[in-house]
Amino acid sequence: MATPPATPDATAASAPLPAHASAALTVLCRELLDELDPITDRLTLLILRRDGIYTELGVPIHDDLRATCRGNLERALTQLAGDLPDGVDGAERTKETGRKRARQGVPLETVLRAYRLGGRVLWDRLLTVSRERFQGAYDAALLDAAGHVWRLIDNSSSHLVDAYRSEEARLLSHDLGRRYAVLDALLAGRAEDPAFVRDAARVLGLPEDAALLCVVAPVDSPSDEPLHSPQEALRAVGATSLWHLHRSDLVGLVALPAVPSGSAGPVVEALRRCAHGRVGVSPVVGGLAEATIGYRLAKLAARTMPAGSGGVAELEDRLPEALLADSPELTPRLLRAAFGDLLDLPDAERRTLLDTLRAVLEADGSPTRAAQALFCHRNTVMYRMARIEKVTGRRLTDHRDRLLLSLGLLDGR
């Protein structure tokens, strides 16, 4: 909410005010101080008629808007009359108006529009009083003072803008800090507290029960940017998202758009387009109450990708890899159990045998199809298969051995 020309600054006038003009302002402004309440009522009504946002925001007319208008009008008239006591900051009321309106969420253009409307009301009333009560005796002097008055009003507007923007920046910093604190708490386990989840939904601006995806992109060094502008990319497919650097991960909560239940496809594709590092995506979870679970699953999905790689890993597409990533103490044992002496072979031979094993398993055990994939003779594949079975102690025709070998290959070593 704004108000009338509130706190003009005596230093704003670029030239001294002529004595007759100064005397005219003193007389007329003192006259207007005697009718301050009617002028305030008129200004308040005009503001409310022009900008319904004050009512929409729930700003009390008499307890707030009118009081602010009156205080600013009184300060402006006192200062223009030359009656402001020494040591009093003429701009303080204007600054407080700017700070208050920023806290109430009134747009700056609305504040300035109301403030300048107050300036016009004040000026029109000065002219009217000169003509009606003094038979126009001060009209000429008032015109000589016009430039001085409006420079003071413009200077006051500048004070208001500066105070508004300063308070707005402070509030934004505070809001971001609170958002980050709430996100941290959700990821750390507070999602199990229903009261906290309700408050978190309000602070974060997300529906409490909206279907969510959690996204985790590890940041391996300060210069890493695993996702480029994910918020904009997701907004393009109708998804709302919040992002926060949590420890060494870029973490996002993504509220899915109104699409068929469980359909996260457009969101995942949008993430793929802006992924430049490892990105893990959780399954769809049922609202903020499951944010902690979603975070753990997304982090696990990201860990299924080798460091230095890039792309999007959906957990449900990488469950075998996730089992290994979630049991790091078992992985060395699994590798030794699966591959045995193969791990001790020279690098070139080990790699050739592992590539052959992968091709055979992907070909459902067919040496012919594996040979086609490897661009070699079928007999070569048969020889290597025999060699693999000998050094590993595993048989490719045994389903448990095939499972163990397949899991070993997923480790990527």
Foldseek 3Di string as FASTA:
>chain_A
DAAALAFFDPVLDPDDQDPLLLQLLLVLLVVVVVVLLVLLVVLLVVLCVVDVVCVVLVPDSVVPVSVLHSNRSNLLSCVSNVNDDPPDRSLPSLLVRLLVCLVSVPDLVSRVVSHVSNVVSVLVSSQVCCCPVVVVPCVVSNVSCVVVSVSRSVVSSVSSVVSNVVNNVVVVVVLVVVLQVLVQCLQVPPLQPVVSLVVNCVSVVHDQFFWKKKKKFFAPDPPDDQFDPLQVLQVVVVKHKDWDCDPRIIMMIIGDHPDPPQPCPSSQVSRQVGGPFQMFMEGTDGGSSCVNVNNVQRVLQSQLDDHPDIGYGYCVVCVLSSVCSVCVVCLVVLLCLLQPQLVVDPPVLSVVLLLLLVLCVVVVNDLVSSCVVVVHDSVVSVVSQVVRCVRNVAHPVDPVSNVSSVSNVSVVD
